[in-house]
Amino acid sequence: MQLGTRWNVGGTAPADLTPPVLGAIASVERELADQGVDASTWRWTLTWLERRPVVELDDGTVIKVDAVTGEAHVHEPVDAEGDDD
């Protein structure tokens, strides 16, 4: 794994991210704004795993790139409250 960088929600993402990843980031940020979530202090963290970006938001949302298709997939954090397991 290669360490990348961090940036604020709404800030400029690293230029070496692909358009699908940038689109996924924009989509998550738009959804947060639409829901009225105050993410002004949240940050994104970029790391590289097997030369593919993994982008994680402070709330646990993760964006990963499919190795075959190159598509970016958003994985929402799992809410453990209410689980009886």
N, C-alpha and C. Protein backbone atom coordinates (compact mmCIF):
# COMPACT_ATOMS: atom_id res chain seq x y z
N MET A 1 0.85 -1.16 0.00
CA MET A 1 0.00 0.00 0.00
C MET A 1 0.90 1.24 0.00
N GLN A 2 0.49 2.24 -0.78
CA GLN A 2 1.21 3.49 -0.85
C GLN A 2 0.34 4.59 -0.27
N LEU A 3 0.90 5.36 0.65
CA LEU A 3 0.15 6.46 1.24
C LEU A 3 -0.04 7.54 0.21
N GLY A 4 -1.20 8.14 0.22
CA GLY A 4 -1.51 9.19 -0.72
C GLY A 4 -1.56 10.54 -0.04
N THR A 5 -2.77 11.07 0.08
CA THR A 5 -2.94 12.42 0.61
C THR A 5 -4.31 12.58 1.24
N ARG A 6 -4.52 13.71 1.89
CA ARG A 6 -5.82 14.04 2.47
C ARG A 6 -6.24 15.42 1.97
N TRP A 7 -7.56 15.60 1.84
CA TRP A 7 -8.08 16.91 1.47
C TRP A 7 -9.49 17.05 2.03
N ASN A 8 -9.92 18.30 2.19
CA ASN A 8 -11.22 18.60 2.78
C ASN A 8 -12.36 18.28 1.83
N VAL A 9 -13.50 17.91 2.39
CA VAL A 9 -14.72 17.76 1.60
C VAL A 9 -14.98 19.10 0.93
N GLY A 10 -15.24 19.06 -0.37
CA GLY A 10 -15.46 20.28 -1.14
C GLY A 10 -14.18 20.88 -1.70
N GLY A 11 -13.04 20.35 -1.26
CA GLY A 11 -11.76 20.84 -1.75
C GLY A 11 -11.37 20.18 -3.06
N THR A 12 -10.21 20.53 -3.53
CA THR A 12 -9.70 19.98 -4.79
C THR A 12 -9.06 18.62 -4.56
N ALA A 13 -9.58 17.61 -5.25
CA ALA A 13 -9.03 16.26 -5.15
C ALA A 13 -7.72 16.18 -5.92
N PRO A 14 -6.87 15.21 -5.59
CA PRO A 14 -5.61 15.05 -6.31
C PRO A 14 -5.84 14.87 -7.81
N ALA A 15 -5.00 15.48 -8.60
CA ALA A 15 -5.14 15.48 -10.06
C ALA A 15 -4.92 14.11 -10.69
N ASP A 16 -4.27 13.20 -9.98
CA ASP A 16 -3.99 11.89 -10.58
C ASP A 16 -5.14 10.89 -10.44
N LEU A 17 -6.26 11.31 -9.89
CA LEU A 17 -7.43 10.44 -9.81
C LEU A 17 -8.16 10.43 -11.15
N THR A 18 -8.73 9.29 -11.48
CA THR A 18 -9.43 9.13 -12.76
C THR A 18 -10.79 9.81 -12.72
N PRO A 19 -11.33 10.14 -13.89
CA PRO A 19 -12.67 10.75 -13.93
C PRO A 19 -13.75 9.94 -13.19
N PRO A 20 -13.77 8.60 -13.28
CA PRO A 20 -14.79 7.86 -12.52
C PRO A 20 -14.68 8.07 -11.01
N VAL A 21 -13.46 8.14 -10.49
CA VAL A 21 -13.27 8.35 -9.05
C VAL A 21 -13.67 9.77 -8.68
N LEU A 22 -13.27 10.74 -9.49
CA LEU A 22 -13.65 12.13 -9.24
C LEU A 22 -15.17 12.29 -9.28
N GLY A 23 -15.82 11.58 -10.19
CA GLY A 23 -17.27 11.62 -10.27
C GLY A 23 -17.93 11.02 -9.05
N ALA A 24 -17.35 9.93 -8.55
CA ALA A 24 -17.90 9.28 -7.35
C ALA A 24 -17.74 10.19 -6.13
N ILE A 25 -16.61 10.86 -6.03
CA ILE A 25 -16.39 11.80 -4.93
C ILE A 25 -17.42 12.92 -5.00
N ALA A 26 -17.60 13.49 -6.18
CA ALA A 26 -18.57 14.58 -6.36
C ALA A 26 -19.98 14.11 -6.01
N SER A 27 -20.31 12.88 -6.38
CA SER A 27 -21.63 12.33 -6.10
C SER A 27 -21.86 12.20 -4.59
N VAL A 28 -20.86 11.70 -3.87
CA VAL A 28 -20.98 11.56 -2.42
C VAL A 28 -21.13 12.93 -1.78
N GLU A 29 -20.32 13.89 -2.21
CA GLU A 29 -20.40 15.23 -1.63
C GLU A 29 -21.74 15.89 -1.93
N ARG A 30 -22.27 15.67 -3.12
CA ARG A 30 -23.59 16.21 -3.48
C ARG A 30 -24.68 15.59 -2.61
N GLU A 31 -24.59 14.28 -2.39
CA GLU A 31 -25.56 13.58 -1.55
C GLU A 31 -25.53 14.10 -0.11
N LEU A 32 -24.33 14.32 0.41
CA LEU A 32 -24.21 14.87 1.76
C LEU A 32 -24.86 16.25 1.84
N ALA A 33 -24.61 17.08 0.85
CA ALA A 33 -25.20 18.43 0.83
C ALA A 33 -26.72 18.35 0.72
N ASP A 34 -27.21 17.45 -0.13
CA ASP A 34 -28.66 17.29 -0.30
C ASP A 34 -29.32 16.84 1.00
N GLN A 35 -28.60 16.05 1.80
CA GLN A 35 -29.13 15.56 3.07
C GLN A 35 -28.93 16.55 4.21
N GLY A 36 -28.27 17.65 3.91
CA GLY A 36 -28.05 18.66 4.95
C GLY A 36 -27.00 18.28 5.97
N VAL A 37 -26.11 17.36 5.62
CA VAL A 37 -25.06 16.91 6.53
C VAL A 37 -23.96 17.97 6.58
N ASP A 38 -23.56 18.36 7.79
CA ASP A 38 -22.46 19.30 7.94
C ASP A 38 -21.16 18.51 7.88
N ALA A 39 -20.57 18.47 6.71
CA ALA A 39 -19.32 17.75 6.51
C ALA A 39 -18.15 18.72 6.37
N SER A 40 -18.32 19.92 6.88
CA SER A 40 -17.31 20.97 6.69
C SER A 40 -15.97 20.64 7.33
N THR A 41 -15.96 19.77 8.32
CA THR A 41 -14.70 19.40 8.97
C THR A 41 -14.22 18.02 8.53
N TRP A 42 -14.96 17.36 7.64
CA TRP A 42 -14.59 16.02 7.18
C TRP A 42 -13.51 16.10 6.12
N ARG A 43 -12.74 15.02 6.06
CA ARG A 43 -11.67 14.95 5.06
C ARG A 43 -11.71 13.62 4.33
N TRP A 44 -11.22 13.65 3.11
CA TRP A 44 -11.01 12.44 2.32
C TRP A 44 -9.56 11.99 2.53
N THR A 45 -9.35 10.67 2.51
CA THR A 45 -8.01 10.11 2.58
C THR A 45 -7.80 9.21 1.37
N LEU A 46 -6.74 9.47 0.63
CA LEU A 46 -6.40 8.68 -0.55
C LEU A 46 -5.21 7.80 -0.23
N THR A 47 -5.36 6.50 -0.48
CA THR A 47 -4.24 5.57 -0.44
C THR A 47 -4.25 4.80 -1.74
N TRP A 48 -3.18 4.13 -2.04
CA TRP A 48 -3.08 3.34 -3.26
C TRP A 48 -2.86 1.89 -2.87
N LEU A 49 -3.68 0.99 -3.40
CA LEU A 49 -3.57 -0.44 -3.15
C LEU A 49 -3.45 -1.13 -4.49
N GLU A 50 -2.34 -1.78 -4.71
CA GLU A 50 -2.08 -2.45 -5.99
C GLU A 50 -2.27 -1.48 -7.16
N ARG A 51 -1.75 -0.28 -6.99
CA ARG A 51 -1.76 0.79 -8.00
C ARG A 51 -3.15 1.33 -8.33
N ARG A 52 -4.13 1.01 -7.48
CA ARG A 52 -5.48 1.55 -7.66
C ARG A 52 -5.81 2.42 -6.45
N PRO A 53 -6.51 3.52 -6.69
CA PRO A 53 -6.84 4.41 -5.58
C PRO A 53 -7.94 3.83 -4.70
N VAL A 54 -7.80 4.06 -3.42
CA VAL A 54 -8.85 3.78 -2.43
C VAL A 54 -9.05 5.10 -1.69
N VAL A 55 -10.27 5.63 -1.78
CA VAL A 55 -10.57 6.93 -1.19
C VAL A 55 -11.58 6.71 -0.07
N GLU A 56 -11.23 7.20 1.14
CA GLU A 56 -12.12 7.01 2.28
C GLU A 56 -12.46 8.36 2.91
N LEU A 57 -13.73 8.53 3.21
CA LEU A 57 -14.22 9.72 3.88
C LEU A 57 -14.23 9.47 5.39
N ASP A 58 -14.14 10.53 6.16
CA ASP A 58 -14.10 10.39 7.62
C ASP A 58 -15.28 9.61 8.19
N ASP A 59 -16.43 9.60 7.51
CA ASP A 59 -17.60 8.86 8.03
C ASP A 59 -17.54 7.37 7.71
N GLY A 60 -16.50 6.93 7.00
CA GLY A 60 -16.37 5.51 6.67
C GLY A 60 -16.76 5.16 5.24
N THR A 61 -17.28 6.10 4.48
CA THR A 61 -17.59 5.86 3.08
C THR A 61 -16.29 5.59 2.34
N VAL A 62 -16.28 4.54 1.51
CA VAL A 62 -15.08 4.16 0.77
C VAL A 62 -15.40 4.09 -0.72
N ILE A 63 -14.49 4.60 -1.54
CA ILE A 63 -14.61 4.50 -2.99
C ILE A 63 -13.45 3.67 -3.48
N LYS A 64 -13.78 2.59 -4.20
CA LYS A 64 -12.76 1.70 -4.76
C LYS A 64 -12.98 1.56 -6.25
N VAL A 65 -11.92 1.22 -6.96
CA VAL A 65 -11.98 1.06 -8.41
C VAL A 65 -11.95 -0.42 -8.75
N ASP A 66 -12.89 -0.84 -9.60
CA ASP A 66 -12.93 -2.22 -10.08
C ASP A 66 -11.73 -2.45 -11.00
N ALA A 67 -10.94 -3.48 -10.70
CA ALA A 67 -9.72 -3.75 -11.46
C ALA A 67 -10.00 -4.11 -12.91
N VAL A 68 -11.15 -4.67 -13.19
CA VAL A 68 -11.48 -5.12 -14.54
C VAL A 68 -12.10 -4.00 -15.37
N THR A 69 -13.12 -3.35 -14.79
CA THR A 69 -13.88 -2.36 -15.56
C THR A 69 -13.35 -0.93 -15.41
N GLY A 70 -12.62 -0.66 -14.34
CA GLY A 70 -12.16 0.69 -14.09
C GLY A 70 -13.22 1.59 -13.48
N GLU A 71 -14.40 1.02 -13.21
CA GLU A 71 -15.49 1.80 -12.62
C GLU A 71 -15.22 2.03 -11.13
N ALA A 72 -15.67 3.19 -10.66
CA ALA A 72 -15.55 3.51 -9.24
C ALA A 72 -16.83 3.10 -8.54
N HIS A 73 -16.69 2.43 -7.41
CA HIS A 73 -17.84 1.98 -6.63
C HIS A 73 -17.80 2.59 -5.24
N VAL A 74 -18.93 3.14 -4.81
CA VAL A 74 -19.05 3.74 -3.49
C VAL A 74 -19.59 2.70 -2.53
N HIS A 75 -18.91 2.53 -1.42
CA HIS A 75 -19.34 1.62 -0.36
C HIS A 75 -19.67 2.46 0.86
N GLU A 76 -20.95 2.51 1.19
CA GLU A 76 -21.42 3.31 2.32
C GLU A 76 -21.02 2.63 3.62
N PRO A 77 -20.80 3.42 4.67
CA PRO A 77 -20.47 2.83 5.98
C PRO A 77 -21.65 2.01 6.49
N VAL A 78 -21.34 0.96 7.20
CA VAL A 78 -22.37 0.10 7.77
C VAL A 78 -22.74 0.64 9.15
N ASP A 79 -24.02 0.84 9.38
CA ASP A 79 -24.51 1.30 10.67
C ASP A 79 -24.72 0.09 11.56
N ALA A 80 -23.89 -0.06 12.57
CA ALA A 80 -23.95 -1.24 13.44
C ALA A 80 -25.03 -1.12 14.50
N GLU A 81 -25.60 0.07 14.68
CA GLU A 81 -26.65 0.22 15.69
C GLU A 81 -27.84 -0.63 15.34
N GLY A 82 -28.36 -1.27 16.33
CA GLY A 82 -29.55 -2.09 16.11
C GLY A 82 -29.22 -3.52 15.73
N ASP A 83 -27.94 -3.82 15.46
CA ASP A 83 -27.54 -5.19 15.15
C ASP A 83 -27.53 -6.01 16.42
N ASP A 84 -28.13 -7.18 16.36
CA ASP A 84 -28.13 -8.06 17.51
C ASP A 84 -27.15 -9.20 17.36
N ASP A 85 -26.29 -9.13 16.33
CA ASP A 85 -25.33 -10.20 16.08
C ASP A 85 -24.16 -10.15 17.05
